[in-house]
Amino acid sequence: MKRFSIAVAGCLVTLAAQAQMVSSTDVTVTSGVIMTVNEELTNTGTFQLEGDLHLRKGVMNQGQMVLNGQVVLNGNGTQSLQSMTPLQMNALVLGQTGKVLLKSPLQVNNQLVLGDGILENSESALLMLGSTAKVLGGSNNSHIKGYMVKQGAEAFRFPVGDGSRLQAFSISKPASYEEIQVGYVRQRPERLSTKLSAEVEEFGSDSYWSVKNATETSVQVTVPADDSRFQLLQMKNNQWAVNPSTLSTNAVSSEAVLKGTSYFTVGTQRAELAGKPEIGVFPNPSNGVFEVKLKGFSADETVALDIVDITGKTIVKQEGQVKSLKTNYSLDKDAAGTGNYFLRVVRPEKNQVFNEKVSINR
């Protein structure tokens, strides 16, 4: 059997391989070596990595790979990772101009770096992170389009998304060791169930998160929410129900119980069940940049929203369905200098008027 060993001491060496690995060859890349493979790496022998391996075209493993070093995916277009047996890596860096197709199970034991590129997989080719593994990065340009598992008992942010937008699913620290699988599914929630509990008004997304774990555990769940009216919806007894939620900047959080398979999405609560209608301005006072929040209003009802000065002069005027109204404002100082103003919201169908003082300090 042929053996190929690369060993250095006290220096950094870079080697480039232009072609596929020769069948039945044993290769060792020692610490301090950077090996770049410009074509697909096909391994049928034993490949042991202690240094860095840069892949431009992906891997087809039909032998044994011991990847104790760092694997960097930094090619162009699409490359794939495929193996006859599950792969394990110490560290994986995603810097791909394009996407990576994960076609076999892969465990990352130390660190996953999401710099650029989308990693796509399925439930049969899970990306698993060990109990001490960390994730660096995660953005619209680099995330997991598919499914991933986190082992351990620490809070974790799953950097999943739909291939064009990060839709991270975060959990607080579970009470004990868990293996929690999360996937972001770009299909309407009605695919799972069309039944809505009495307090749900409508879905706020055409996607949902699928969560799997073995033992019952209570955690706080946080997901993105780009509407101040959104609540977290969880499927319970084959129908979507509202989990009482807390809204922060572009995110919604709620306590949830996980066991078996759980599904989550976002949506709105019926106004008559959400409590007394209220309006608010945050921050208040402000420098002219603020957000208007409407609580307890139906998404489809038509309202008139005005901001006026103390003389009754209109600074801002809107009319339409609540879900379509602009809620973030940046008022020009020529239109609204330092002083007091009033936010007025009119519900014509219910003959109701709400007023809120707005203070601006320039």
Protein backbone atom coordinates (compact mmCIF):
# COMPACT_ATOMS: atom_id res chain seq x y z
CA MET A 1 0.00 0.00 0.00
CA LYS A 2 1.30 3.48 -0.87
CA ARG A 3 1.78 5.96 1.96
CA PHE A 4 2.12 9.73 1.67
CA SER A 5 3.18 11.63 4.78
CA ILE A 6 3.62 15.39 5.04
CA ALA A 7 5.51 16.48 8.15
CA VAL A 8 7.11 19.79 9.14
CA ALA A 9 8.42 21.30 12.34
CA GLY A 10 8.57 24.95 13.34
CA CYS A 11 7.26 26.42 10.08
CA LEU A 12 4.14 26.75 7.95
CA VAL A 13 4.03 24.92 4.64
CA THR A 14 1.43 25.23 1.90
CA LEU A 15 0.93 22.42 -0.59
CA ALA A 16 -1.44 22.30 -3.55
CA ALA A 17 -2.96 19.21 -5.13
CA GLN A 18 -4.47 19.58 -8.57
CA ALA A 19 -6.04 16.15 -8.98
CA GLN A 20 -8.03 13.61 -7.07
CA MET A 21 -6.34 11.47 -4.45
CA VAL A 22 -5.07 8.13 -5.77
CA SER A 23 -7.15 5.12 -4.75
CA SER A 24 -5.80 3.12 -1.76
CA THR A 25 -3.25 5.82 -0.83
CA ASP A 26 -2.68 6.67 2.84
CA VAL A 27 -2.16 10.41 3.43
CA THR A 28 -1.14 12.24 6.61
CA VAL A 29 -1.19 16.04 6.76
CA THR A 30 0.62 17.05 9.94
CA SER A 31 0.22 20.12 12.13
CA GLY A 32 1.54 23.32 10.56
CA VAL A 33 0.74 22.25 7.00
CA ILE A 34 -1.91 23.83 4.77
CA MET A 35 -2.98 21.50 1.99
CA THR A 36 -5.16 22.86 -0.82
CA VAL A 37 -7.02 20.49 -3.14
CA ASN A 38 -8.29 22.26 -6.25
CA GLU A 39 -10.24 19.30 -7.64
CA GLU A 40 -12.65 16.95 -5.88
CA LEU A 41 -10.89 14.97 -3.15
CA THR A 42 -11.70 11.28 -3.59
CA ASN A 43 -10.35 9.21 -0.73
CA THR A 44 -10.32 5.41 -0.73
CA GLY A 45 -7.48 4.92 1.73
CA THR A 46 -6.79 6.55 5.10
CA PHE A 47 -6.63 10.35 5.19
CA GLN A 48 -5.42 11.85 8.48
CA LEU A 49 -5.52 15.61 8.98
CA GLU A 50 -3.72 17.42 11.78
CA GLY A 51 -3.12 20.66 9.87
CA ASP A 52 -5.40 22.64 7.53
CA LEU A 53 -7.21 21.25 4.49
CA HIS A 54 -8.61 23.74 1.96
CA LEU A 55 -11.16 22.21 -0.39
CA ARG A 56 -12.25 23.87 -3.61
CA LYS A 57 -14.40 21.09 -5.09
CA GLY A 58 -15.62 18.95 -2.19
CA VAL A 59 -15.04 15.42 -0.92
CA MET A 60 -16.03 11.88 -1.87
CA ASN A 61 -14.87 9.61 0.94
CA GLN A 62 -14.91 5.85 0.42
CA GLY A 63 -12.24 5.07 2.98
CA GLN A 64 -11.35 6.48 6.38
CA MET A 65 -10.91 10.17 7.22
CA VAL A 66 -9.56 11.37 10.57
CA LEU A 67 -9.98 15.14 10.48
CA ASN A 68 -8.41 16.47 13.67
CA GLY A 69 -7.32 19.71 12.03
CA GLN A 70 -9.32 22.43 10.29
CA VAL A 71 -11.28 21.96 7.06
CA VAL A 72 -11.87 25.11 5.01
CA LEU A 73 -14.43 25.12 2.19
CA ASN A 74 -13.48 28.06 -0.02
CA GLY A 75 -14.23 27.19 -3.61
CA ASN A 76 -16.54 28.69 -6.22
CA GLY A 77 -19.94 27.45 -7.33
CA THR A 78 -21.30 24.32 -5.68
CA GLN A 79 -19.31 21.64 -3.91
CA SER A 80 -20.45 18.55 -2.03
CA LEU A 81 -19.37 16.59 1.03
CA GLN A 82 -20.19 12.91 0.71
CA SER A 83 -18.94 9.87 2.61
CA MET A 84 -19.74 6.19 2.92
CA THR A 85 -19.49 6.61 6.72
CA PRO A 86 -20.38 9.63 8.92
CA LEU A 87 -17.72 12.32 8.92
CA GLN A 88 -16.21 14.01 11.98
CA MET A 89 -14.23 17.24 11.95
CA ASN A 90 -12.52 19.24 14.65
CA ALA A 91 -13.25 22.56 12.93
CA LEU A 92 -15.12 23.57 9.78
CA VAL A 93 -14.83 26.98 8.10
CA LEU A 94 -17.39 27.93 5.47
CA GLY A 95 -15.98 30.50 3.05
CA GLN A 96 -17.60 29.24 -0.11
CA THR A 97 -18.63 31.47 -2.99
CA GLY A 98 -21.77 29.48 -3.66
CA LYS A 99 -23.25 26.61 -1.70
CA VAL A 100 -22.13 23.39 -0.06
CA LEU A 101 -24.26 20.27 -0.36
CA LEU A 102 -23.88 18.05 2.69
CA LYS A 103 -24.89 14.56 1.56
CA SER A 104 -23.69 12.54 4.57
CA PRO A 105 -23.93 13.01 8.35
CA LEU A 106 -21.24 15.32 9.71
CA GLN A 107 -20.23 16.09 13.30
CA VAL A 108 -18.20 19.19 14.19
CA ASN A 109 -16.58 18.80 17.60
CA ASN A 110 -14.93 22.14 18.24
CA GLN A 111 -15.85 25.07 16.01
CA LEU A 112 -18.07 25.96 13.04
CA VAL A 113 -17.28 29.26 11.31
CA LEU A 114 -19.93 30.66 9.00
CA GLY A 115 -18.16 33.25 6.91
CA ASP A 116 -19.70 32.96 3.46
CA GLY A 117 -21.82 30.47 1.57
CA ILE A 118 -24.89 28.36 2.36
CA LEU A 119 -24.68 24.79 3.63
CA GLU A 120 -27.65 22.71 2.45
CA ASN A 121 -28.62 19.34 3.87
CA SER A 122 -31.51 17.05 4.77
CA GLU A 123 -32.55 15.07 7.84
CA SER A 124 -30.67 12.06 6.46
CA ALA A 125 -27.45 14.11 6.33
CA LEU A 126 -27.54 16.00 9.62
CA LEU A 127 -24.99 18.57 10.69
CA MET A 128 -24.28 17.84 14.37
CA LEU A 129 -22.35 20.02 16.79
CA GLY A 130 -20.68 18.44 19.81
CA SER A 131 -21.41 19.49 23.39
CA THR A 132 -18.50 21.96 23.50
CA ALA A 133 -18.68 23.13 19.88
CA LYS A 134 -19.12 26.83 19.17
CA VAL A 135 -20.55 28.66 16.15
CA LEU A 136 -18.99 31.87 14.90
CA GLY A 137 -20.83 34.03 12.39
CA GLY A 138 -24.14 33.36 10.73
CA SER A 139 -25.85 35.79 8.36
CA ASN A 140 -28.11 36.01 5.34
CA ASN A 141 -25.03 35.10 3.28
CA SER A 142 -23.94 32.14 5.41
CA HIS A 143 -26.20 29.77 7.34
CA ILE A 144 -27.66 26.27 7.33
CA LYS A 145 -30.46 25.61 4.86
CA GLY A 146 -31.79 22.42 6.36
CA TYR A 147 -31.27 20.70 9.71
CA MET A 148 -28.74 20.74 12.50
CA VAL A 149 -28.34 19.14 15.93
CA LYS A 150 -26.71 20.59 19.05
CA GLN A 151 -25.57 18.32 21.85
CA GLY A 152 -25.08 19.44 25.45
CA ALA A 153 -26.73 21.56 28.13
CA GLU A 154 -25.95 25.12 27.03
CA ALA A 155 -27.97 27.92 25.50
CA PHE A 156 -27.59 27.86 21.74
CA ARG A 157 -28.49 29.79 18.62
CA PHE A 158 -29.23 27.56 15.63
CA PRO A 159 -28.12 29.50 12.51
CA VAL A 160 -30.75 28.05 10.16
CA GLY A 161 -32.45 29.82 7.27
CA ASP A 162 -34.00 29.47 3.84
CA GLY A 163 -30.91 29.98 1.69
CA SER A 164 -31.40 33.72 1.29
CA ARG A 165 -32.31 34.85 4.79
CA LEU A 166 -31.07 33.80 8.24
CA GLN A 167 -33.98 32.68 10.45
CA ALA A 168 -32.10 31.72 13.61
CA PHE A 169 -33.83 29.68 16.32
CA SER A 170 -32.44 30.29 19.80
CA ILE A 171 -32.99 28.37 23.01
CA SER A 172 -32.06 29.09 26.60
CA LYS A 173 -29.98 26.63 28.60
CA PRO A 174 -31.83 23.31 28.99
CA ALA A 175 -32.02 21.69 32.43
CA SER A 176 -29.85 18.73 31.43
CA TYR A 177 -27.94 17.21 28.51
CA GLU A 178 -29.95 17.25 25.31
CA GLU A 179 -29.64 16.53 21.62
CA ILE A 180 -31.91 19.10 20.01
CA GLN A 181 -32.48 19.13 16.27
CA VAL A 182 -33.75 22.26 14.53
CA GLY A 183 -34.69 22.78 10.91
CA TYR A 184 -36.21 25.74 9.08
CA VAL A 185 -38.82 24.60 6.58
CA ARG A 186 -39.88 26.88 3.74
CA GLN A 187 -43.48 25.64 3.52
CA ARG A 188 -46.66 27.16 4.82
CA PRO A 189 -47.67 26.13 8.36
CA GLU A 190 -51.04 24.96 7.02
CA ARG A 191 -49.16 22.03 5.49
CA LEU A 192 -48.90 20.62 9.01
CA SER A 193 -52.34 21.65 10.21
CA THR A 194 -55.03 24.10 9.14
CA LYS A 195 -56.54 24.16 12.62
CA LEU A 196 -56.13 27.34 14.66
CA SER A 197 -56.97 27.69 18.33
CA ALA A 198 -59.55 30.32 19.29
CA GLU A 199 -56.96 32.97 20.11
CA VAL A 200 -55.02 32.78 16.81
CA GLU A 201 -55.98 35.34 14.19
CA GLU A 202 -53.64 34.44 11.32
CA PHE A 203 -50.18 33.19 10.42
CA GLY A 204 -47.45 35.76 10.02
CA SER A 205 -45.05 33.57 8.02
CA ASP A 206 -45.04 31.11 5.13
CA SER A 207 -42.46 28.95 6.97
CA TYR A 208 -41.98 27.13 10.25
CA TRP A 209 -39.31 25.63 12.51
CA SER A 210 -39.21 21.89 13.16
CA VAL A 211 -37.68 20.90 16.52
CA LYS A 212 -36.91 17.37 17.73
CA ASN A 213 -35.57 16.03 21.02
CA ALA A 214 -36.00 12.90 23.12
CA THR A 215 -36.75 14.03 26.68
CA GLU A 216 -39.16 16.67 27.94
CA THR A 217 -37.44 19.99 28.61
CA SER A 218 -38.59 23.57 29.21
CA VAL A 219 -36.67 26.35 27.48
CA GLN A 220 -37.14 29.90 26.35
CA VAL A 221 -37.44 30.05 22.57
CA THR A 222 -36.54 33.16 20.54
CA VAL A 223 -37.21 33.61 16.83
CA PRO A 224 -37.10 36.56 14.38
CA ALA A 225 -40.24 38.72 14.16
CA ASP A 226 -40.51 41.75 11.91
CA ASP A 227 -43.95 42.81 13.15
CA SER A 228 -44.62 44.18 16.64
CA ARG A 229 -47.93 42.28 16.78
CA PHE A 230 -46.42 38.83 16.32
CA GLN A 231 -46.69 36.11 18.93
CA LEU A 232 -44.94 32.73 18.92
CA LEU A 233 -47.27 29.98 17.70
CA GLN A 234 -46.65 26.35 18.67
CA MET A 235 -48.54 23.33 17.41
CA LYS A 236 -50.32 21.58 20.27
CA ASN A 237 -52.78 18.71 19.85
CA ASN A 238 -52.65 19.14 16.06
CA GLN A 239 -53.63 22.81 16.16
CA TRP A 240 -51.68 26.05 16.25
CA ALA A 241 -51.88 27.88 19.57
CA VAL A 242 -50.43 31.14 20.96
CA ASN A 243 -47.55 30.96 23.40
CA PRO A 244 -47.64 34.16 25.53
CA SER A 245 -44.71 36.08 24.08
CA THR A 246 -42.37 38.97 24.75
CA LEU A 247 -41.32 41.17 21.84
CA SER A 248 -37.85 42.72 21.65
CA THR A 249 -36.08 44.33 18.70
CA ASN A 250 -37.03 42.21 15.66
CA ALA A 251 -37.49 39.07 17.79
CA VAL A 252 -40.16 37.35 19.86
CA SER A 253 -39.52 35.10 22.87
CA SER A 254 -41.68 32.64 24.79
CA GLU A 255 -41.41 29.77 27.23
CA ALA A 256 -41.98 26.42 25.51
CA VAL A 257 -41.92 22.74 26.35
CA LEU A 258 -40.02 20.50 23.92
CA LYS A 259 -40.47 16.76 23.59
CA GLY A 260 -40.58 14.56 20.52
CA THR A 261 -41.35 16.72 17.51
CA SER A 262 -42.44 20.33 18.03
CA TYR A 263 -43.35 22.95 15.45
CA PHE A 264 -43.17 26.74 15.76
CA THR A 265 -44.06 29.72 13.62
CA VAL A 266 -45.18 33.32 14.20
CA GLY A 267 -48.62 34.87 13.91
CA THR A 268 -51.09 37.30 15.41
CA GLN A 269 -53.54 36.94 18.25
CA ARG A 270 -57.18 37.93 17.91
CA ALA A 271 -57.55 41.52 19.04
CA GLU A 272 -60.48 40.81 21.33
CA LEU A 273 -58.37 38.22 23.16
CA ALA A 274 -55.12 40.17 23.18
CA GLY A 275 -56.40 42.62 25.79
CA LYS A 276 -57.55 46.24 25.76
CA PRO A 277 -56.41 48.13 22.65
CA GLU A 278 -53.47 50.40 23.40
CA ILE A 279 -51.13 52.70 21.49
CA GLY A 280 -47.59 53.64 22.41
CA VAL A 281 -44.50 55.49 21.25
CA PHE A 282 -40.98 54.18 21.96
CA PRO A 283 -38.74 55.84 22.95
CA ASN A 284 -40.66 58.76 24.36
CA PRO A 285 -39.15 61.38 24.64
CA SER A 286 -37.04 60.91 21.51
CA ASN A 287 -34.86 62.90 19.13
CA GLY A 288 -37.48 62.52 16.42
CA VAL A 289 -36.73 58.86 15.68
CA PHE A 290 -39.31 56.55 17.25
CA GLU A 291 -41.61 53.56 16.75
CA VAL A 292 -45.39 53.49 17.04
CA LYS A 293 -46.88 50.31 18.51
CA LEU A 294 -50.52 49.26 18.29
CA LYS A 295 -51.59 46.56 20.72
CA GLY A 296 -54.94 44.78 20.65
CA PHE A 297 -55.81 45.86 17.10
CA SER A 298 -56.85 43.42 14.39
CA ALA A 299 -54.35 43.14 11.53
CA ASP A 300 -57.06 43.63 8.92
CA GLU A 301 -59.02 46.49 10.46
CA THR A 302 -58.76 49.95 8.91
CA VAL A 303 -57.57 52.84 11.07
CA ALA A 304 -56.42 56.43 10.62
CA LEU A 305 -53.11 57.39 12.21
CA ASP A 306 -52.01 61.02 12.59
CA ILE A 307 -49.23 62.88 14.36
CA VAL A 308 -50.14 66.52 14.98
CA ASP A 309 -48.59 69.49 16.79
CA ILE A 310 -50.25 71.48 19.59
CA THR A 311 -51.92 73.79 17.06
CA GLY A 312 -53.56 70.84 15.29
CA LYS A 313 -51.24 70.93 12.28
CA THR A 314 -50.73 67.44 10.79
CA ILE A 315 -47.11 66.24 10.63
CA VAL A 316 -47.84 62.63 9.62
CA LYS A 317 -51.02 61.17 8.19
CA GLN A 318 -51.82 57.54 7.32
CA GLU A 319 -54.93 55.48 6.70
CA GLY A 320 -55.26 51.79 5.92
CA GLN A 321 -55.13 48.31 7.39
CA VAL A 322 -53.10 47.97 10.59
CA LYS A 323 -50.79 45.38 9.02
CA SER A 324 -49.85 47.80 6.24
CA LEU A 325 -49.18 50.93 8.31
CA LYS A 326 -45.72 52.39 8.63
CA THR A 327 -44.62 52.16 12.28
CA ASN A 328 -41.05 53.53 12.29
CA TYR A 329 -40.57 57.29 11.95
CA SER A 330 -37.69 59.71 11.59
CA LEU A 331 -39.15 63.22 11.65
CA ASP A 332 -37.18 66.03 10.05
CA LYS A 333 -36.37 68.83 12.51
CA ASP A 334 -37.88 71.40 10.12
CA ALA A 335 -41.20 69.56 10.33
CA ALA A 336 -41.02 68.70 14.03
CA GLY A 337 -38.60 70.58 16.27
CA THR A 338 -38.26 70.31 20.03
CA GLY A 339 -41.68 70.26 21.65
CA ASN A 340 -44.80 68.22 22.33
CA TYR A 341 -46.92 66.51 19.70
CA PHE A 342 -49.79 64.03 19.74
CA LEU A 343 -50.28 60.62 18.16
CA ARG A 344 -53.94 60.05 17.30
CA VAL A 345 -55.37 56.72 16.14
CA VAL A 346 -59.00 56.51 15.00
CA ARG A 347 -60.97 53.24 14.67
CA PRO A 348 -63.93 54.31 12.50
CA GLU A 349 -65.73 50.97 12.66
CA LYS A 350 -65.73 50.98 16.46
CA ASN A 351 -66.08 54.76 16.87
CA GLN A 352 -62.95 54.88 19.04
CA VAL A 353 -60.17 57.49 19.25
CA PHE A 354 -56.80 56.98 21.04
CA ASN A 355 -54.34 59.76 21.85
CA GLU A 356 -50.74 59.61 23.07
CA LYS A 357 -48.40 62.52 23.88
CA VAL A 358 -45.16 62.50 21.84
CA SER A 359 -42.21 64.52 23.20
CA ILE A 360 -39.25 65.46 20.99
CA ASN A 361 -35.95 66.83 22.33
CA ARG A 362 -33.53 67.94 19.62
